[in-house]
Structures are given as structure tokens and as C-alpha cells.
Amino acid sequence: MAYQNHGGPFMNQVDLCILACDACYKGESLLMCANTCIRDGGKMALKWGSTCQYFINGRN
């Protein structure tokens, strides 16, 4: 397993996507965003990118 300089494992694209969802949305929107992350392997649809600054140009 690969490790970052601080000693922890690298986060995969889906994990980063879900963290971005958590930073932008709450409640049902968070659940829908996180499910999209999981379903699409961490690639976000344009509709999420237009409402969350952490998804650059609709892709994270």
C-alpha cells in the first residue's frame, strides 16, 4: 500500500469525492452526491460541479 509523507494511506478518488460532497451539501443532497461519487467512481456529473466549488468544471 502506498503512503503519503505524513504516514497515512493515499485517499482514492471516491473518498475525495465524498469529502467534497460533505463540504458542500447536507441531508438528502449529501446522500445523493455521495451515491453519485460511488456509482461513477469519483467522477462528478456537471450538475454537481455547478453548485460545489470543490468540483472543478464538473469533474473532481
PDB file of N, CA and C in Angstrom:
ATOM      1  N   MET A   1       0.838  -1.176   0.000  1.00  0.00           N
ATOM      2  CA  MET A   1       0.000   0.000   0.000  1.00  0.00           C
ATOM      3  C   MET A   1       0.884   1.241   0.000  1.00  0.00           C
ATOM      4  N   ALA A   2       0.548   2.233  -0.801  1.00  0.00           N
ATOM      5  CA  ALA A   2       1.307   3.473  -0.880  1.00  0.00           C
ATOM      6  C   ALA A   2       0.945   4.391   0.285  1.00  0.00           C
ATOM      7  N   TYR A   3       1.929   5.121   0.794  1.00  0.00           N
ATOM      8  CA  TYR A   3       1.691   6.026   1.912  1.00  0.00           C
ATOM      9  C   TYR A   3       2.166   7.420   1.569  1.00  0.00           C
ATOM     10  N   GLN A   4       1.452   8.414   2.092  1.00  0.00           N
ATOM     11  CA  GLN A   4       1.847   9.799   1.920  1.00  0.00           C
ATOM     12  C   GLN A   4       2.944  10.125   2.931  1.00  0.00           C
ATOM     13  N   ASN A   5       3.533  11.305   2.818  1.00  0.00           N
ATOM     14  CA  ASN A   5       4.617  11.711   3.711  1.00  0.00           C
ATOM     15  C   ASN A   5       4.219  11.726   5.175  1.00  0.00           C
ATOM     16  N   HIS A   6       2.971  12.026   5.480  1.00  0.00           N
ATOM     17  CA  HIS A   6       2.550  12.087   6.878  1.00  0.00           C
ATOM     18  C   HIS A   6       2.293  10.706   7.465  1.00  0.00           C
ATOM     19  N   GLY A   7       2.459   9.657   6.684  1.00  0.00           N
ATOM     20  CA  GLY A   7       2.352   8.306   7.204  1.00  0.00           C
ATOM     21  C   GLY A   7       1.034   7.606   6.946  1.00  0.00           C
ATOM     22  N   GLY A   8       0.042   8.323   6.444  1.00  0.00           N
ATOM     23  CA  GLY A   8      -1.261   7.710   6.187  1.00  0.00           C
ATOM     24  C   GLY A   8      -1.380   7.244   4.749  1.00  0.00           C
ATOM     25  N   PRO A   9      -2.344   6.391   4.478  1.00  0.00           N
ATOM     26  CA  PRO A   9      -2.534   5.911   3.105  1.00  0.00           C
ATOM     27  C   PRO A   9      -3.117   7.004   2.212  1.00  0.00           C
ATOM     28  N   PHE A  10      -2.819   6.936   0.917  1.00  0.00           N
ATOM     29  CA  PHE A  10      -3.414   7.849  -0.047  1.00  0.00           C
ATOM     30  C   PHE A  10      -4.918   7.634  -0.072  1.00  0.00           C
ATOM     31  N   MET A  11      -5.659   8.699  -0.283  1.00  0.00           N
ATOM     32  CA  MET A  11      -7.111   8.576  -0.419  1.00  0.00           C
ATOM     33  C   MET A  11      -7.426   8.370  -1.894  1.00  0.00           C
ATOM     34  N   ASN A  12      -8.343   7.482  -2.181  1.00  0.00           N
ATOM     35  CA  ASN A  12      -8.685   7.269  -3.581  1.00  0.00           C
ATOM     36  C   ASN A  12      -9.674   8.331  -4.051  1.00  0.00           C
ATOM     37  N   GLN A  13      -9.948   8.352  -5.342  1.00  0.00           N
ATOM     38  CA  GLN A  13     -10.781   9.379  -5.953  1.00  0.00           C
ATOM     39  C   GLN A  13     -12.198   9.392  -5.371  1.00  0.00           C
ATOM     40  N   VAL A  14     -12.749   8.235  -5.065  1.00  0.00           N
ATOM     41  CA  VAL A  14     -14.101   8.170  -4.494  1.00  0.00           C
ATOM     42  C   VAL A  14     -14.117   8.810  -3.106  1.00  0.00           C
ATOM     43  N   ASP A  15     -13.108   8.534  -2.288  1.00  0.00           N
ATOM     44  CA  ASP A  15     -13.032   9.137  -0.953  1.00  0.00           C
ATOM     45  C   ASP A  15     -12.965  10.658  -1.037  1.00  0.00           C
ATOM     46  N   LEU A  16     -12.129  11.170  -1.920  1.00  0.00           N
ATOM     47  CA  LEU A  16     -12.001  12.617  -2.086  1.00  0.00           C
ATOM     48  C   LEU A  16     -13.308  13.229  -2.568  1.00  0.00           C
ATOM     49  N   CYS A  17     -13.974  12.538  -3.460  1.00  0.00           N
ATOM     50  CA  CYS A  17     -15.257  12.990  -3.981  1.00  0.00           C
ATOM     51  C   CYS A  17     -16.285  13.093  -2.854  1.00  0.00           C
ATOM     52  N   ILE A  18     -16.353  12.080  -2.014  1.00  0.00           N
ATOM     53  CA  ILE A  18     -17.312  12.071  -0.906  1.00  0.00           C
ATOM     54  C   ILE A  18     -16.992  13.184   0.097  1.00  0.00           C
ATOM     55  N   LEU A  19     -15.719  13.437   0.361  1.00  0.00           N
ATOM     56  CA  LEU A  19     -15.353  14.538   1.254  1.00  0.00           C
ATOM     57  C   LEU A  19     -15.776  15.884   0.676  1.00  0.00           C
ATOM     58  N   ALA A  20     -15.641  16.048  -0.637  1.00  0.00           N
ATOM     59  CA  ALA A  20     -16.095  17.280  -1.282  1.00  0.00           C
ATOM     60  C   ALA A  20     -17.611  17.415  -1.161  1.00  0.00           C
ATOM     61  N   CYS A  21     -18.334  16.317  -1.334  1.00  0.00           N
ATOM     62  CA  CYS A  21     -19.792  16.343  -1.149  1.00  0.00           C
ATOM     63  C   CYS A  21     -20.135  16.807   0.259  1.00  0.00           C
ATOM     64  N   ASP A  22     -19.421  16.272   1.243  1.00  0.00           N
ATOM     65  CA  ASP A  22     -19.687  16.615   2.638  1.00  0.00           C
ATOM     66  C   ASP A  22     -19.429  18.091   2.910  1.00  0.00           C
ATOM     67  N   ALA A  23     -18.440  18.668   2.232  1.00  0.00           N
ATOM     68  CA  ALA A  23     -18.125  20.078   2.423  1.00  0.00           C
ATOM     69  C   ALA A  23     -19.183  20.992   1.808  1.00  0.00           C
ATOM     70  N   CYS A  24     -19.886  20.507   0.787  1.00  0.00           N
ATOM     71  CA  CYS A  24     -20.833  21.356   0.061  1.00  0.00           C
ATOM     72  C   CYS A  24     -22.296  21.114   0.394  1.00  0.00           C
ATOM     73  N   TYR A  25     -22.643  19.925   0.798  1.00  0.00           N
ATOM     74  CA  TYR A  25     -24.058  19.567   0.932  1.00  0.00           C
ATOM     75  C   TYR A  25     -24.350  18.936   2.285  1.00  0.00           C
ATOM     76  N   LYS A  26     -25.596  18.972   2.656  1.00  0.00           N
ATOM     77  CA  LYS A  26     -26.069  18.324   3.882  1.00  0.00           C
ATOM     78  C   LYS A  26     -27.378  17.602   3.566  1.00  0.00           C
ATOM     79  N   GLY A  27     -27.749  16.681   4.422  1.00  0.00           N
ATOM     80  CA  GLY A  27     -29.033  15.990   4.294  1.00  0.00           C
ATOM     81  C   GLY A  27     -29.141  15.134   3.043  1.00  0.00           C
ATOM     82  N   GLU A  28     -30.293  15.207   2.411  1.00  0.00           N
ATOM     83  CA  GLU A  28     -30.585  14.387   1.230  1.00  0.00           C
ATOM     84  C   GLU A  28     -29.632  14.695   0.074  1.00  0.00           C
ATOM     85  N   SER A  29     -29.240  15.955  -0.076  1.00  0.00           N
ATOM     86  CA  SER A  29     -28.311  16.321  -1.148  1.00  0.00           C
ATOM     87  C   SER A  29     -26.952  15.661  -0.953  1.00  0.00           C
ATOM     88  N   LEU A  30     -26.494  15.601   0.291  1.00  0.00           N
ATOM     89  CA  LEU A  30     -25.228  14.924   0.589  1.00  0.00           C
ATOM     90  C   LEU A  30     -25.309  13.450   0.218  1.00  0.00           C
ATOM     91  N   LEU A  31     -26.400  12.817   0.571  1.00  0.00           N
ATOM     92  CA  LEU A  31     -26.585  11.404   0.246  1.00  0.00           C
ATOM     93  C   LEU A  31     -26.587  11.176  -1.263  1.00  0.00           C
ATOM     94  N   MET A  32     -27.301  12.018  -1.994  1.00  0.00           N
ATOM     95  CA  MET A  32     -27.355  11.875  -3.456  1.00  0.00           C
ATOM     96  C   MET A  32     -25.985  12.114  -4.086  1.00  0.00           C
ATOM     97  N   CYS A  33     -25.265  13.120  -3.594  1.00  0.00           N
ATOM     98  CA  CYS A  33     -23.933  13.418  -4.112  1.00  0.00           C
ATOM     99  C   CYS A  33     -22.972  12.260  -3.838  1.00  0.00           C
ATOM    100  N   ALA A  34     -22.974  11.754  -2.615  1.00  0.00           N
ATOM    101  CA  ALA A  34     -22.087  10.641  -2.257  1.00  0.00           C
ATOM    102  C   ALA A  34     -22.403   9.392  -3.074  1.00  0.00           C
ATOM    103  N   ASN A  35     -23.675   9.126  -3.293  1.00  0.00           N
ATOM    104  CA  ASN A  35     -24.053   7.979  -4.123  1.00  0.00           C
ATOM    105  C   ASN A  35     -23.555   8.140  -5.554  1.00  0.00           C
ATOM    106  N   THR A  36     -23.577   9.376  -6.065  1.00  0.00           N
ATOM    107  CA  THR A  36     -23.048   9.640  -7.403  1.00  0.00           C
ATOM    108  C   THR A  36     -21.544   9.377  -7.435  1.00  0.00           C
ATOM    109  N   CYS A  37     -20.837   9.786  -6.385  1.00  0.00           N
ATOM    110  CA  CYS A  37     -19.396   9.519  -6.291  1.00  0.00           C
ATOM    111  C   CYS A  37     -19.115   8.025  -6.385  1.00  0.00           C
ATOM    112  N   ILE A  38     -19.862   7.253  -5.619  1.00  0.00           N
ATOM    113  CA  ILE A  38     -19.647   5.807  -5.589  1.00  0.00           C
ATOM    114  C   ILE A  38     -19.997   5.185  -6.931  1.00  0.00           C
ATOM    115  N   ARG A  39     -21.149   5.552  -7.471  1.00  0.00           N
ATOM    116  CA  ARG A  39     -21.618   4.975  -8.734  1.00  0.00           C
ATOM    117  C   ARG A  39     -20.666   5.282  -9.893  1.00  0.00           C
ATOM    118  N   ASP A  40     -20.155   6.521  -9.929  1.00  0.00           N
ATOM    119  CA  ASP A  40     -19.335   6.960 -11.061  1.00  0.00           C
ATOM    120  C   ASP A  40     -17.836   6.878 -10.793  1.00  0.00           C
ATOM    121  N   GLY A  41     -17.439   6.223  -9.732  1.00  0.00           N
ATOM    122  CA  GLY A  41     -16.020   6.037  -9.445  1.00  0.00           C
ATOM    123  C   GLY A  41     -15.274   7.316  -9.119  1.00  0.00           C
ATOM    124  N   GLY A  42     -15.957   8.283  -8.527  1.00  0.00           N
ATOM    125  CA  GLY A  42     -15.305   9.527  -8.141  1.00  0.00           C
ATOM    126  C   GLY A  42     -15.355  10.618  -9.185  1.00  0.00           C
ATOM    127  N   LYS A  43     -15.963  10.368 -10.316  1.00  0.00           N
ATOM    128  CA  LYS A  43     -16.123  11.383 -11.364  1.00  0.00           C
ATOM    129  C   LYS A  43     -17.481  12.035 -11.190  1.00  0.00           C
ATOM    130  N   MET A  44     -17.501  13.344 -11.053  1.00  0.00           N
ATOM    131  CA  MET A  44     -18.759  14.020 -10.784  1.00  0.00           C
ATOM    132  C   MET A  44     -19.425  14.545 -12.042  1.00  0.00           C
ATOM    133  N   ALA A  45     -20.740  14.471 -12.045  1.00  0.00           N
ATOM    134  CA  ALA A  45     -21.539  14.998 -13.144  1.00  0.00           C
ATOM    135  C   ALA A  45     -21.512  16.526 -13.097  1.00  0.00           C
ATOM    136  N   LEU A  46     -21.760  17.142 -14.220  1.00  0.00           N
ATOM    137  CA  LEU A  46     -21.717  18.595 -14.334  1.00  0.00           C
ATOM    138  C   LEU A  46     -22.681  19.276 -13.366  1.00  0.00           C
ATOM    139  N   LYS A  47     -23.849  18.676 -13.106  1.00  0.00           N
ATOM    140  CA  LYS A  47     -24.821  19.334 -12.217  1.00  0.00           C
ATOM    141  C   LYS A  47     -24.263  19.541 -10.812  1.00  0.00           C
ATOM    142  N   TRP A  48     -23.435  18.649 -10.340  1.00  0.00           N
ATOM    143  CA  TRP A  48     -22.836  18.822  -9.015  1.00  0.00           C
ATOM    144  C   TRP A  48     -21.724  19.862  -9.078  1.00  0.00           C
ATOM    145  N   GLY A  49     -20.963  19.859 -10.155  1.00  0.00           N
ATOM    146  CA  GLY A  49     -19.871  20.815 -10.300  1.00  0.00           C
ATOM    147  C   GLY A  49     -20.344  22.256 -10.368  1.00  0.00           C
ATOM    148  N   SER A  50     -21.566  22.453 -10.817  1.00  0.00           N
ATOM    149  CA  SER A  50     -22.080  23.816 -10.928  1.00  0.00           C
ATOM    150  C   SER A  50     -22.520  24.386  -9.580  1.00  0.00           C
ATOM    151  N   THR A  51     -22.638  23.548  -8.554  1.00  0.00           N
ATOM    152  CA  THR A  51     -23.092  24.027  -7.247  1.00  0.00           C
ATOM    153  C   THR A  51     -22.085  23.787  -6.129  1.00  0.00           C
ATOM    154  N   CYS A  52     -20.940  23.206  -6.434  1.00  0.00           N
ATOM    155  CA  CYS A  52     -19.929  22.938  -5.409  1.00  0.00           C
ATOM    156  C   CYS A  52     -18.560  23.361  -5.920  1.00  0.00           C
ATOM    157  N   GLN A  53     -17.939  24.284  -5.217  1.00  0.00           N
ATOM    158  CA  GLN A  53     -16.645  24.821  -5.650  1.00  0.00           C
ATOM    159  C   GLN A  53     -15.530  23.783  -5.667  1.00  0.00           C
ATOM    160  N   TYR A  54     -15.694  22.666  -4.983  1.00  0.00           N
ATOM    161  CA  TYR A  54     -14.649  21.650  -4.914  1.00  0.00           C
ATOM    162  C   TYR A  54     -14.625  20.723  -6.128  1.00  0.00           C
ATOM    163  N   PHE A  55     -15.661  20.802  -6.953  1.00  0.00           N
ATOM    164  CA  PHE A  55     -15.689  20.029  -8.192  1.00  0.00           C
ATOM    165  C   PHE A  55     -15.393  20.987  -9.333  1.00  0.00           C
ATOM    166  N   ILE A  56     -14.159  21.017  -9.787  1.00  0.00           N
ATOM    167  CA  ILE A  56     -13.721  21.962 -10.808  1.00  0.00           C
ATOM    168  C   ILE A  56     -14.262  21.543 -12.167  1.00  0.00           C
ATOM    169  N   ASN A  57     -15.006  22.443 -12.808  1.00  0.00           N
ATOM    170  CA  ASN A  57     -15.591  22.191 -14.127  1.00  0.00           C
ATOM    171  C   ASN A  57     -16.417  20.915 -14.170  1.00  0.00           C
ATOM    172  N   GLY A  58     -17.057  20.594 -13.064  1.00  0.00           N
ATOM    173  CA  GLY A  58     -17.909  19.413 -13.031  1.00  0.00           C
ATOM    174  C   GLY A  58     -17.159  18.111 -12.857  1.00  0.00           C
ATOM    175  N   ARG A  59     -15.848  18.162 -12.758  1.00  0.00           N
ATOM    176  CA  ARG A  59     -15.027  16.957 -12.534  1.00  0.00           C
ATOM    177  C   ARG A  59     -14.100  17.237 -11.379  1.00  0.00           C
ATOM    178  N   ASN A  60     -13.929  16.251 -10.505  1.00  0.00           N
ATOM    179  CA  ASN A  60     -13.004  16.476  -9.397  1.00  0.00           C
ATOM    180  C   ASN A  60     -11.708  15.774  -9.641  1.00  0.00           C
TER     181      ASN A  60
END
